[in-house]
Amino acid sequence: MKIATYNINSIRNRLPRLLAWLATAMPDVVCLQELRIHTDEFPEHALRDAGYGAIWQGQSPRYNGVAILARGSTPTEVRRGVPGDPADTQARYLEAAIDGVIIGCLYAPNGNPQPGPKFTYKLDWLARLAHHAKGLFDSGVPVVLAGDYNVVPTNADIYALRSYADDALVQPASRDAFRRLLTQGWTDALRTLHPDAVIYTFWDYMRKRWERDAGLRIDHLLVNAQLAPRLVAAEVDKAVRGEIGASDHAPVWIEISEGTKRRAARKRVR
């Protein structure tokens, strides 16, 4: 199963780019963030014509927004929104069951400017995510938490820390929040399979950062103990960021092998 996360940065403006990537990469599951649409504006029919069923959550006004796509089927929705604050109506989290795997699609708050209420909201949201993630991790079910975490985990995940020294993405409290997830036992798939590589998933439009490869790694796929042994690949489709009209993020994906029981069943069928 190939599972991807992609901050599309406006699905209205970048639908042709998304469809082209889907046709080439053919992921089985895609978590999209920053749709920037109202809920009724989601291009359901165009994606279905491309072979993908979907669940989604837009927001009014047109901010945030998340979606989960599944090739050849429609995801079974489990929940929307991170629990713990009924007053939080921002469209930042969807959870679905697809082919025996729970997929959590998340778009964490940016948190800038910091300090301030936006940074406080970011830390509160990440704390609620961690509480929910602990229950998912302990469930015994295969789980992936995929999305734009808006956290640069370490200095190795950013081209030059001094340019972002005051940014919410690199603050100790932000990094501690991400580290708390890893402490629960979650595996950072991309970094685990490429421990020493220079890996970026986001390049700001400003100051020719794409042209200079001045990037950040803020899009992550975390897998729990049931999936970590089945992790066989993790990559960034970096070339997508260089296309005309591209999002400032590149798609990131993992590949997981089939479980032992399913492999045995297929062997019997053959």
Protein backbone atom coordinates (compact mmCIF):
# COMPACT_ATOMS: atom_id res chain seq x y z
CA MET A 1 0.00 0.00 0.00
CA LYS A 2 1.37 3.39 -1.02
CA ILE A 3 0.24 6.19 1.32
CA ALA A 4 1.01 9.84 0.56
CA THR A 5 0.59 13.23 2.15
CA TYR A 6 0.43 16.40 0.09
CA ASN A 7 -0.23 19.98 1.18
CA ILE A 8 -1.87 21.11 -2.04
CA ASN A 9 -2.07 24.81 -1.06
CA SER A 10 -5.46 25.44 -2.76
CA ILE A 11 -7.08 22.55 -4.56
CA ARG A 12 -9.04 25.03 -6.71
CA ASN A 13 -5.83 26.45 -8.17
CA ARG A 14 -3.85 23.22 -8.35
CA LEU A 15 -6.35 20.54 -9.31
CA PRO A 16 -4.65 19.91 -12.71
CA ARG A 17 -1.31 19.47 -10.92
CA LEU A 18 -2.88 17.07 -8.43
CA LEU A 19 -4.55 14.99 -11.14
CA ALA A 20 -1.32 14.77 -13.12
CA TRP A 21 0.59 13.58 -10.06
CA LEU A 22 -2.09 11.02 -9.18
CA ALA A 23 -1.93 9.59 -12.70
CA THR A 24 1.84 9.24 -12.51
CA ALA A 25 2.45 8.27 -8.87
CA MET A 26 -0.71 6.16 -8.42
CA PRO A 27 -0.80 6.25 -4.60
CA ASP A 28 -3.39 4.06 -2.91
CA VAL A 29 -4.16 6.65 -0.23
CA VAL A 30 -3.59 10.40 -0.25
CA CYS A 31 -3.93 12.84 2.63
CA LEU A 32 -4.44 16.39 1.37
CA GLN A 33 -4.07 19.56 3.40
CA GLU A 34 -4.77 23.27 2.94
CA LEU A 35 -7.65 22.76 0.53
CA ARG A 36 -8.75 26.38 0.94
CA ILE A 37 -12.32 25.72 -0.16
CA HIS A 38 -15.80 25.64 1.24
CA THR A 39 -16.98 22.10 1.85
CA ASP A 40 -19.37 22.16 -1.16
CA GLU A 41 -16.57 23.22 -3.54
CA PHE A 42 -14.57 20.00 -3.32
CA PRO A 43 -13.88 18.53 -6.80
CA GLU A 44 -15.40 15.15 -5.98
CA HIS A 45 -16.36 14.26 -9.55
CA ALA A 46 -12.98 15.11 -11.06
CA LEU A 47 -11.24 12.92 -8.51
CA ARG A 48 -13.74 10.11 -8.97
CA ASP A 49 -13.10 10.25 -12.72
CA ALA A 50 -9.42 9.87 -11.86
CA GLY A 51 -10.22 6.72 -9.89
CA TYR A 52 -10.32 8.10 -6.34
CA GLY A 53 -13.08 8.19 -3.77
CA ALA A 54 -12.79 10.82 -1.06
CA ILE A 55 -13.94 12.26 2.20
CA TRP A 56 -13.19 15.90 2.96
CA GLN A 57 -13.78 18.86 5.22
CA GLY A 58 -13.67 22.43 3.95
CA GLN A 59 -13.95 25.59 5.98
CA SER A 60 -15.69 28.95 5.72
CA PRO A 61 -14.00 31.32 5.13
CA ARG A 62 -11.70 29.44 2.75
CA TYR A 63 -8.89 28.44 5.10
CA ASN A 64 -7.34 25.13 6.10
CA GLY A 65 -9.27 22.07 4.86
CA VAL A 66 -8.29 18.40 4.70
CA ALA A 67 -9.22 15.39 2.59
CA ILE A 68 -8.45 11.68 2.34
CA LEU A 69 -8.47 9.99 -1.06
CA ALA A 70 -8.52 6.24 -1.73
CA ARG A 71 -7.82 4.66 -5.10
CA GLY A 72 -10.71 2.50 -6.24
CA SER A 73 -12.82 2.96 -3.11
CA THR A 74 -14.27 5.51 -0.72
CA PRO A 75 -12.64 5.90 2.71
CA THR A 76 -14.79 4.97 5.68
CA GLU A 77 -14.84 8.05 7.90
CA VAL A 78 -13.97 7.46 11.55
CA ARG A 79 -13.83 11.00 12.92
CA ARG A 80 -13.29 14.62 12.01
CA GLY A 81 -11.50 17.02 14.30
CA VAL A 82 -9.01 16.35 17.08
CA PRO A 83 -11.01 15.66 20.26
CA GLY A 84 -10.68 17.74 23.41
CA ASP A 85 -12.06 21.14 22.40
CA PRO A 86 -15.67 21.22 21.12
CA ALA A 87 -15.28 24.92 20.32
CA ASP A 88 -12.51 24.27 17.78
CA THR A 89 -14.18 24.26 14.35
CA GLN A 90 -11.06 24.61 12.19
CA ALA A 91 -10.85 21.97 9.44
CA ARG A 92 -7.56 20.34 10.39
CA TYR A 93 -8.09 16.62 11.01
CA LEU A 94 -9.84 13.71 9.32
CA GLU A 95 -9.58 10.04 10.18
CA ALA A 96 -10.64 7.11 8.03
CA ALA A 97 -10.36 3.35 7.69
CA ILE A 98 -8.97 2.08 4.38
CA ASP A 99 -8.16 -1.55 3.66
CA GLY A 100 -7.59 -2.39 7.32
CA VAL A 101 -5.45 0.68 8.10
CA ILE A 102 -6.52 3.75 10.09
CA ILE A 103 -5.39 6.91 8.32
CA GLY A 104 -5.19 10.18 10.24
CA CYS A 105 -4.84 13.20 7.94
CA LEU A 106 -3.72 16.32 9.75
CA TYR A 107 -2.91 19.96 9.08
CA ALA A 108 -1.39 21.35 12.26
CA PRO A 109 -1.57 25.09 12.97
CA ASN A 110 1.34 27.20 11.76
CA GLY A 111 1.53 29.18 15.02
CA ASN A 112 2.99 32.42 13.71
CA PRO A 113 3.52 35.00 14.93
CA GLN A 114 4.94 33.73 18.16
CA PRO A 115 4.57 34.29 21.01
CA GLY A 116 0.87 34.99 20.89
CA PRO A 117 -2.58 33.40 20.64
CA LYS A 118 -1.81 31.57 17.37
CA PHE A 119 1.21 29.89 18.92
CA THR A 120 -0.78 29.02 22.04
CA TYR A 121 -3.44 27.44 19.82
CA LYS A 122 -0.76 25.48 17.96
CA LEU A 123 0.63 23.98 21.15
CA ASP A 124 -2.83 23.21 22.50
CA TRP A 125 -3.80 21.53 19.22
CA LEU A 126 -0.62 19.43 19.17
CA ALA A 127 -1.21 18.42 22.80
CA ARG A 128 -4.73 17.25 21.93
CA LEU A 129 -3.33 15.41 18.93
CA ALA A 130 -0.81 13.63 21.15
CA HIS A 131 -3.55 12.55 23.55
CA HIS A 132 -5.62 11.15 20.70
CA ALA A 133 -2.54 9.59 19.07
CA LYS A 134 -1.75 7.65 22.24
CA GLY A 135 -5.11 5.94 22.04
CA LEU A 136 -4.57 5.13 18.37
CA PHE A 137 -1.08 3.78 19.04
CA ASP A 138 -2.35 1.52 21.82
CA SER A 139 -5.35 0.29 19.80
CA GLY A 140 -3.44 -2.59 18.19
CA VAL A 141 -4.74 -1.50 14.77
CA PRO A 142 -2.34 -0.40 11.97
CA VAL A 143 -2.28 3.42 11.98
CA VAL A 144 -0.63 6.16 9.93
CA LEU A 145 -0.68 9.81 11.01
CA ALA A 146 0.15 11.76 7.86
CA GLY A 147 0.18 15.43 7.10
CA ASP A 148 1.67 18.87 7.45
CA TYR A 149 2.74 19.03 11.08
CA ASN A 150 4.21 22.53 10.73
CA VAL A 151 7.15 21.38 12.86
CA VAL A 152 10.78 21.12 11.81
CA PRO A 153 11.90 18.29 14.13
CA THR A 154 15.65 19.05 14.24
CA ASN A 155 18.23 21.39 12.78
CA ALA A 156 19.06 18.67 10.25
CA ASP A 157 15.58 19.20 8.76
CA ILE A 158 16.09 22.83 7.72
CA TYR A 159 18.55 24.45 5.33
CA ALA A 160 19.61 27.30 7.61
CA LEU A 161 18.15 27.71 11.05
CA ARG A 162 19.11 31.39 11.34
CA SER A 163 16.56 32.34 8.65
CA TYR A 164 13.76 30.83 10.76
CA ALA A 165 15.11 31.41 14.25
CA ASP A 166 11.95 33.21 15.44
CA ASP A 167 9.52 31.03 13.48
CA ALA A 168 6.95 28.90 15.29
CA LEU A 169 8.02 25.85 13.25
CA VAL A 170 11.39 25.55 15.01
CA GLN A 171 10.62 26.69 18.55
CA PRO A 172 11.62 24.29 21.36
CA ALA A 173 8.00 23.92 22.44
CA SER A 174 6.97 22.91 18.89
CA ARG A 175 9.77 20.39 18.64
CA ASP A 176 8.95 19.02 22.08
CA ALA A 177 5.37 18.44 20.94
CA PHE A 178 6.58 16.41 17.95
CA ARG A 179 9.07 14.55 20.12
CA ARG A 180 6.27 13.54 22.50
CA LEU A 181 4.65 11.67 19.63
CA LEU A 182 7.86 9.80 18.90
CA THR A 183 8.22 9.01 22.59
CA GLN A 184 4.85 7.23 22.43
CA GLY A 185 6.49 4.85 19.96
CA TRP A 186 5.53 6.32 16.60
CA THR A 187 8.08 5.87 13.80
CA ASP A 188 9.03 8.87 11.66
CA ALA A 189 9.03 6.91 8.39
CA LEU A 190 11.03 9.26 6.18
CA ARG A 191 13.80 9.90 8.70
CA THR A 192 13.95 6.27 9.79
CA LEU A 193 14.63 5.03 6.27
CA HIS A 194 16.94 7.96 5.41
CA PRO A 195 18.68 8.77 8.70
CA ASP A 196 21.49 10.88 7.28
CA ALA A 197 19.98 12.33 4.11
CA VAL A 198 19.19 15.98 3.46
CA ILE A 199 15.42 15.87 3.07
CA TYR A 200 13.03 18.78 2.56
CA THR A 201 9.31 18.77 1.84
CA PHE A 202 8.57 22.51 1.74
CA TRP A 203 10.24 25.41 -0.07
CA ASP A 204 8.84 28.89 0.47
CA TYR A 205 7.98 30.94 -2.63
CA MET A 206 10.00 33.84 -1.24
CA ARG A 207 13.69 34.61 -1.85
CA LYS A 208 14.17 31.92 -4.51
CA ARG A 209 14.20 29.23 -1.85
CA TRP A 210 13.20 26.52 -4.33
CA GLU A 211 15.94 27.52 -6.75
CA ARG A 212 18.48 27.47 -3.90
CA ASP A 213 17.10 24.24 -2.41
CA ALA A 214 16.53 26.15 0.81
CA GLY A 215 13.87 23.93 2.26
CA LEU A 216 12.32 22.51 5.41
CA ARG A 217 10.99 19.09 6.38
CA ILE A 218 7.57 19.69 7.90
CA ASP A 219 5.42 17.02 6.19
CA HIS A 220 5.63 13.73 8.07
CA LEU A 221 4.17 10.25 8.06
CA LEU A 222 4.23 8.54 11.44
CA VAL A 223 3.44 4.83 11.67
CA ASN A 224 2.65 2.79 14.76
CA ALA A 225 4.18 -0.48 15.94
CA GLN A 226 1.85 -2.58 13.78
CA LEU A 227 3.12 -0.90 10.59
CA ALA A 228 6.75 -0.08 11.36
CA PRO A 229 8.00 -3.61 10.49
CA ARG A 230 6.09 -3.41 7.20
CA LEU A 231 7.67 -0.11 6.12
CA VAL A 232 9.59 -0.73 2.88
CA ALA A 233 9.97 2.73 1.29
CA ALA A 234 9.61 6.43 2.04
CA GLU A 235 10.32 9.21 -0.44
CA VAL A 236 9.62 12.81 -1.44
CA ASP A 237 8.40 13.48 -4.99
CA LYS A 238 10.59 16.56 -5.08
CA ALA A 239 10.28 17.23 -8.81
CA VAL A 240 6.58 18.06 -8.36
CA ARG A 241 7.58 21.21 -6.43
CA GLY A 242 9.46 22.50 -9.48
CA GLU A 243 6.51 22.38 -11.87
CA ILE A 244 4.76 25.51 -13.08
CA GLY A 245 2.00 26.52 -10.69
CA ALA A 246 3.15 24.07 -8.03
CA SER A 247 2.30 24.05 -4.36
CA ASP A 248 5.14 25.14 -2.08
CA HIS A 249 5.08 21.57 -0.69
CA ALA A 250 6.06 18.35 -2.44
CA PRO A 251 4.16 15.08 -2.03
CA VAL A 252 5.67 12.66 0.49
CA TRP A 253 4.85 8.96 0.48
CA ILE A 254 5.54 5.66 2.15
CA GLU A 255 5.04 2.11 1.01
CA ILE A 256 4.03 -0.62 3.42
CA SER A 257 4.06 -4.32 2.67
CA GLU A 258 1.06 -6.55 3.16
CA GLY A 259 0.54 -8.10 6.58
CA THR A 260 1.50 -11.70 7.22
CA LYS A 261 -2.09 -12.93 7.33
CA ARG A 262 -3.02 -11.20 4.10
CA ARG A 263 0.08 -12.48 2.28
CA ALA A 264 -0.77 -16.01 3.39
CA ALA A 265 -4.36 -15.62 2.23
CA ARG A 266 -3.28 -14.40 -1.17
CA LYS A 267 -0.83 -17.27 -1.46
CA ARG A 268 -3.67 -19.73 -0.83
CA VAL A 269 -5.82 -18.00 -3.46
CA ARG A 270 -3.07 -18.28 -6.03
